Amino acid sequence: MTLMDRFSSDDWSRVLEAPMLAGFAITAADPGGLISAVQESAAIAGSLRLAAKDGGEGSLAHAVAEAYTTSEGRSAATDGLKSLVKGKRPAEASDAAVSRLGEIMALVERTVPEHAAGFRKFLIDTATKTAEASTEGGFLGFGGARISEAEHKTLDQLRSALGVSVG
């Protein structure tokens, strides 16, 4: 039985949303321009590539990253994200993503508790890499902060939603 088989199809789709939600929560917390969005999207993709390559075969992060190599896996993740954020302002969408991540983490803890800690770390690492991907508040990549105040706040909210002590 694969990890995917331990979830219902709807629950697996939710789990697939998690890395995109982790990165999106950061991006929506402090929207930058086109270059910033590309850099942050690349950070999410890089996190998935790393999980597929070095994420430890048999881990939930690895299984999710492998699912992203299929059009079905990518569609499940993006469809869920689109429906969650439709009609919301960026700050509302960020909050909704953090909330959904908390729900997904609870699902993972119930279904595959032995994989919860590793998956939690994968999501926090994805969000952190996204926050670090572009400079916020500068001009054309110069000046500004590596991680904005809004991104720091969202990282703290995400850690809390995922069950990690903030401090």
C-alpha atoms as a PDB file:
ATOM      1  CA  MET A   1       0.000   0.000   0.000  1.00  0.00           C
ATOM      2  CA  THR A   2       1.442   3.356  -1.035  1.00  0.00           C
ATOM      3  CA  LEU A   3       1.132   6.500   1.042  1.00  0.00           C
ATOM      4  CA  MET A   4      -1.358   7.850  -1.472  1.00  0.00           C
ATOM      5  CA  ASP A   5      -3.538   4.769  -0.960  1.00  0.00           C
ATOM      6  CA  ARG A   6      -3.847   5.518   2.741  1.00  0.00           C
ATOM      7  CA  PHE A   7      -5.857   8.650   1.883  1.00  0.00           C
ATOM      8  CA  SER A   8      -9.205   8.981   0.151  1.00  0.00           C
ATOM      9  CA  SER A   9      -8.897  10.616  -3.277  1.00  0.00           C
ATOM     10  CA  ASP A  10     -10.285  13.907  -1.917  1.00  0.00           C
ATOM     11  CA  ASP A  11      -7.923  13.839   1.048  1.00  0.00           C
ATOM     12  CA  TRP A  12      -4.949  13.056  -1.212  1.00  0.00           C
ATOM     13  CA  SER A  13      -5.857  16.051  -3.370  1.00  0.00           C
ATOM     14  CA  ARG A  14      -5.808  18.191  -0.239  1.00  0.00           C
ATOM     15  CA  VAL A  15      -2.393  16.849   0.748  1.00  0.00           C
ATOM     16  CA  LEU A  16      -1.125  17.694  -2.746  1.00  0.00           C
ATOM     17  CA  GLU A  17      -2.213  21.309  -2.235  1.00  0.00           C
ATOM     18  CA  ALA A  18       0.022  21.714   0.814  1.00  0.00           C
ATOM     19  CA  PRO A  19       3.358  22.784  -0.749  1.00  0.00           C
ATOM     20  CA  MET A  20       1.628  25.248  -3.068  1.00  0.00           C
ATOM     21  CA  LEU A  21      -0.386  26.628  -0.164  1.00  0.00           C
ATOM     22  CA  ALA A  22       2.761  27.037   1.944  1.00  0.00           C
ATOM     23  CA  GLY A  23       4.444  29.104  -0.752  1.00  0.00           C
ATOM     24  CA  PHE A  24       1.297  30.924  -1.773  1.00  0.00           C
ATOM     25  CA  ALA A  25       0.580  32.042   1.798  1.00  0.00           C
ATOM     26  CA  ILE A  26       3.929  33.857   1.777  1.00  0.00           C
ATOM     27  CA  THR A  27       3.495  35.326  -1.702  1.00  0.00           C
ATOM     28  CA  ALA A  28       0.006  36.628  -0.947  1.00  0.00           C
ATOM     29  CA  ALA A  29       1.082  38.043   2.420  1.00  0.00           C
ATOM     30  CA  ASP A  30       3.291  40.613   0.708  1.00  0.00           C
ATOM     31  CA  PRO A  31       2.635  40.626  -3.032  1.00  0.00           C
ATOM     32  CA  GLY A  32       5.529  41.943  -5.062  1.00  0.00           C
ATOM     33  CA  GLY A  33       5.848  42.455  -8.761  1.00  0.00           C
ATOM     34  CA  LEU A  34       6.225  39.963 -11.557  1.00  0.00           C
ATOM     35  CA  ILE A  35       9.889  39.258 -10.855  1.00  0.00           C
ATOM     36  CA  SER A  36       9.147  38.571  -7.206  1.00  0.00           C
ATOM     37  CA  ALA A  37       6.293  36.210  -8.123  1.00  0.00           C
ATOM     38  CA  VAL A  38       8.532  34.294 -10.534  1.00  0.00           C
ATOM     39  CA  GLN A  39      11.309  34.000  -7.938  1.00  0.00           C
ATOM     40  CA  GLU A  40       8.886  32.812  -5.279  1.00  0.00           C
ATOM     41  CA  SER A  41       7.256  30.300  -7.647  1.00  0.00           C
ATOM     42  CA  ALA A  42      10.718  29.000  -8.520  1.00  0.00           C
ATOM     43  CA  ALA A  43      11.411  28.525  -4.811  1.00  0.00           C
ATOM     44  CA  ILE A  44       8.312  26.354  -4.443  1.00  0.00           C
ATOM     45  CA  ALA A  45       9.318  24.309  -7.488  1.00  0.00           C
ATOM     46  CA  GLY A  46      12.852  23.980  -6.114  1.00  0.00           C
ATOM     47  CA  SER A  47      11.525  22.698  -2.811  1.00  0.00           C
ATOM     48  CA  LEU A  48       9.486  20.072  -4.656  1.00  0.00           C
ATOM     49  CA  ARG A  49      12.498  19.066  -6.774  1.00  0.00           C
ATOM     50  CA  LEU A  50      14.608  18.686  -3.657  1.00  0.00           C
ATOM     51  CA  ALA A  51      11.935  16.545  -1.978  1.00  0.00           C
ATOM     52  CA  ALA A  52      11.717  14.329  -5.061  1.00  0.00           C
ATOM     53  CA  LYS A  53      15.481  13.961  -5.217  1.00  0.00           C
ATOM     54  CA  ASP A  54      16.611  14.009  -1.589  1.00  0.00           C
ATOM     55  CA  GLY A  55      13.345  13.896   0.329  1.00  0.00           C
ATOM     56  CA  GLY A  56      13.813  10.308   1.323  1.00  0.00           C
ATOM     57  CA  GLU A  57      11.969   7.726  -0.683  1.00  0.00           C
ATOM     58  CA  GLY A  58       8.981   6.565   1.282  1.00  0.00           C
ATOM     59  CA  SER A  59       8.413   9.950   2.943  1.00  0.00           C
ATOM     60  CA  LEU A  60       5.197  11.878   2.438  1.00  0.00           C
ATOM     61  CA  ALA A  61       7.122  14.863   1.038  1.00  0.00           C
ATOM     62  CA  HIS A  62       8.715  12.557  -1.536  1.00  0.00           C
ATOM     63  CA  ALA A  63       5.334  11.034  -2.476  1.00  0.00           C
ATOM     64  CA  VAL A  64       3.811  14.499  -2.922  1.00  0.00           C
ATOM     65  CA  ALA A  65       6.780  15.695  -4.983  1.00  0.00           C
ATOM     66  CA  GLU A  66       6.505  12.610  -7.179  1.00  0.00           C
ATOM     67  CA  ALA A  67       2.788  13.288  -7.696  1.00  0.00           C
ATOM     68  CA  TYR A  68       3.699  16.746  -9.032  1.00  0.00           C
ATOM     69  CA  THR A  69       5.518  15.052 -11.915  1.00  0.00           C
ATOM     70  CA  THR A  70       2.111  14.060 -13.301  1.00  0.00           C
ATOM     71  CA  SER A  71      -0.446  16.384 -14.812  1.00  0.00           C
ATOM     72  CA  GLU A  72      -3.096  14.864 -12.526  1.00  0.00           C
ATOM     73  CA  GLY A  73      -1.075  15.688  -9.424  1.00  0.00           C
ATOM     74  CA  ARG A  74      -0.374  19.245 -10.517  1.00  0.00           C
ATOM     75  CA  SER A  75      -4.019  19.777 -11.485  1.00  0.00           C
ATOM     76  CA  ALA A  76      -5.276  18.511  -8.139  1.00  0.00           C
ATOM     77  CA  ALA A  77      -2.980  20.940  -6.334  1.00  0.00           C
ATOM     78  CA  THR A  78      -3.722  23.969  -8.481  1.00  0.00           C
ATOM     79  CA  ASP A  79      -7.478  23.347  -8.643  1.00  0.00           C
ATOM     80  CA  GLY A  80      -7.681  23.280  -4.866  1.00  0.00           C
ATOM     81  CA  LEU A  81      -5.641  26.452  -4.537  1.00  0.00           C
ATOM     82  CA  LYS A  82      -7.715  28.277  -7.150  1.00  0.00           C
ATOM     83  CA  SER A  83     -11.008  27.387  -5.486  1.00  0.00           C
ATOM     84  CA  LEU A  84      -9.686  28.433  -2.078  1.00  0.00           C
ATOM     85  CA  VAL A  85      -8.518  31.903  -3.116  1.00  0.00           C
ATOM     86  CA  LYS A  86     -11.140  32.823  -5.700  1.00  0.00           C
ATOM     87  CA  GLY A  87     -12.607  36.250  -4.976  1.00  0.00           C
ATOM     88  CA  LYS A  88     -10.323  36.942  -2.019  1.00  0.00           C
ATOM     89  CA  ARG A  89      -7.942  39.853  -1.539  1.00  0.00           C
ATOM     90  CA  PRO A  90      -4.274  38.836  -1.073  1.00  0.00           C
ATOM     91  CA  ALA A  91      -4.299  39.083   2.743  1.00  0.00           C
ATOM     92  CA  GLU A  92      -7.541  37.077   2.921  1.00  0.00           C
ATOM     93  CA  ALA A  93      -6.126  34.494   0.526  1.00  0.00           C
ATOM     94  CA  SER A  94      -2.959  34.190   2.624  1.00  0.00           C
ATOM     95  CA  ASP A  95      -5.017  33.649   5.780  1.00  0.00           C
ATOM     96  CA  ALA A  96      -7.185  31.068   3.990  1.00  0.00           C
ATOM     97  CA  ALA A  97      -4.057  29.209   2.823  1.00  0.00           C
ATOM     98  CA  VAL A  98      -2.644  29.115   6.363  1.00  0.00           C
ATOM     99  CA  SER A  99      -5.960  27.861   7.716  1.00  0.00           C
ATOM    100  CA  ARG A 100      -6.207  25.148   5.063  1.00  0.00           C
ATOM    101  CA  LEU A 101      -2.635  24.074   5.841  1.00  0.00           C
ATOM    102  CA  GLY A 102      -3.651  23.564   9.466  1.00  0.00           C
ATOM    103  CA  GLU A 103      -6.523  21.351   8.309  1.00  0.00           C
ATOM    104  CA  ILE A 104      -4.218  19.390   6.012  1.00  0.00           C
ATOM    105  CA  MET A 105      -1.673  18.885   8.794  1.00  0.00           C
ATOM    106  CA  ALA A 106      -4.417  17.550  11.079  1.00  0.00           C
ATOM    107  CA  LEU A 107      -5.435  15.163   8.291  1.00  0.00           C
ATOM    108  CA  VAL A 108      -1.834  13.975   7.895  1.00  0.00           C
ATOM    109  CA  GLU A 109      -1.491  13.486  11.652  1.00  0.00           C
ATOM    110  CA  ARG A 110      -4.655  11.339  11.713  1.00  0.00           C
ATOM    111  CA  THR A 111      -3.878   9.318   8.604  1.00  0.00           C
ATOM    112  CA  VAL A 112      -0.107   8.864   8.604  1.00  0.00           C
ATOM    113  CA  PRO A 113       1.134  10.114  11.992  1.00  0.00           C
ATOM    114  CA  GLU A 114       4.559   8.589  11.413  1.00  0.00           C
ATOM    115  CA  HIS A 115       5.048  11.023   8.489  1.00  0.00           C
ATOM    116  CA  ALA A 116       3.684  14.163  10.168  1.00  0.00           C
ATOM    117  CA  ALA A 117       6.975  15.577  11.516  1.00  0.00           C
ATOM    118  CA  GLY A 118       8.805  15.219   8.206  1.00  0.00           C
ATOM    119  CA  PHE A 119       5.925  16.679   6.221  1.00  0.00           C
ATOM    120  CA  ARG A 120       5.624  19.589   8.650  1.00  0.00           C
ATOM    121  CA  LYS A 121       9.341  20.347   8.177  1.00  0.00           C
ATOM    122  CA  PHE A 122       8.971  20.130   4.391  1.00  0.00           C
ATOM    123  CA  LEU A 123       6.117  22.673   4.436  1.00  0.00           C
ATOM    124  CA  ILE A 124       7.930  25.096   6.720  1.00  0.00           C
ATOM    125  CA  ASP A 125      11.091  24.790   4.613  1.00  0.00           C
ATOM    126  CA  THR A 126       9.042  25.465   1.462  1.00  0.00           C
ATOM    127  CA  ALA A 127       7.470  28.576   2.985  1.00  0.00           C
ATOM    128  CA  THR A 128      10.823  29.826   4.284  1.00  0.00           C
ATOM    129  CA  LYS A 129      12.523  29.339   0.909  1.00  0.00           C
ATOM    130  CA  THR A 130       9.643  31.208  -0.707  1.00  0.00           C
ATOM    131  CA  ALA A 131      10.008  34.100   1.733  1.00  0.00           C
ATOM    132  CA  GLU A 132      13.762  34.250   1.088  1.00  0.00           C
ATOM    133  CA  ALA A 133      13.418  34.065  -2.697  1.00  0.00           C
ATOM    134  CA  SER A 134      13.072  37.769  -3.378  1.00  0.00           C
ATOM    135  CA  THR A 135      13.851  41.040  -1.699  1.00  0.00           C
ATOM    136  CA  GLU A 136      10.756  42.886  -0.513  1.00  0.00           C
ATOM    137  CA  GLY A 137      10.370  46.654  -0.489  1.00  0.00           C
ATOM    138  CA  GLY A 138      13.318  47.508  -2.680  1.00  0.00           C
ATOM    139  CA  PHE A 139      13.547  48.745  -6.224  1.00  0.00           C
ATOM    140  CA  LEU A 140      14.464  46.350  -9.036  1.00  0.00           C
ATOM    141  CA  GLY A 141      15.949  43.927  -6.525  1.00  0.00           C
ATOM    142  CA  PHE A 142      18.062  46.516  -4.701  1.00  0.00           C
ATOM    143  CA  GLY A 143      17.495  47.509  -1.105  1.00  0.00           C
ATOM    144  CA  GLY A 144      14.565  46.288   0.902  1.00  0.00           C
ATOM    145  CA  ALA A 145      14.380  43.356   3.280  1.00  0.00           C
ATOM    146  CA  ARG A 146      15.147  39.733   2.553  1.00  0.00           C
ATOM    147  CA  ILE A 147      11.990  38.717   4.406  1.00  0.00           C
ATOM    148  CA  SER A 148       9.370  41.400   4.936  1.00  0.00           C
ATOM    149  CA  GLU A 149       7.502  41.973   8.174  1.00  0.00           C
ATOM    150  CA  ALA A 150       4.316  40.579   6.599  1.00  0.00           C
ATOM    151  CA  GLU A 151       6.192  37.455   5.486  1.00  0.00           C
ATOM    152  CA  HIS A 152       7.677  36.992   8.988  1.00  0.00           C
ATOM    153  CA  LYS A 153       4.177  37.273  10.445  1.00  0.00           C
ATOM    154  CA  THR A 154       2.825  34.729   7.963  1.00  0.00           C
ATOM    155  CA  LEU A 155       5.704  32.325   8.678  1.00  0.00           C
ATOM    156  CA  ASP A 156       4.818  32.545  12.384  1.00  0.00           C
ATOM    157  CA  GLN A 157       1.128  31.942  11.609  1.00  0.00           C
ATOM    158  CA  LEU A 158       2.058  29.004   9.422  1.00  0.00           C
ATOM    159  CA  ARG A 159       4.276  27.475  12.117  1.00  0.00           C
ATOM    160  CA  SER A 160       1.417  27.836  14.589  1.00  0.00           C
ATOM    161  CA  ALA A 161      -1.132  26.299  12.199  1.00  0.00           C
ATOM    162  CA  LEU A 162       1.232  23.383  11.566  1.00  0.00           C
ATOM    163  CA  GLY A 163       1.789  22.795  15.276  1.00  0.00           C
ATOM    164  CA  VAL A 164       5.317  24.177  15.635  1.00  0.00           C
ATOM    165  CA  SER A 165       6.132  26.394  18.589  1.00  0.00           C
ATOM    166  CA  VAL A 166       6.719  29.977  17.494  1.00  0.00           C
ATOM    167  CA  GLY A 167       9.364  31.745  19.271  1.00  0.00           C
END
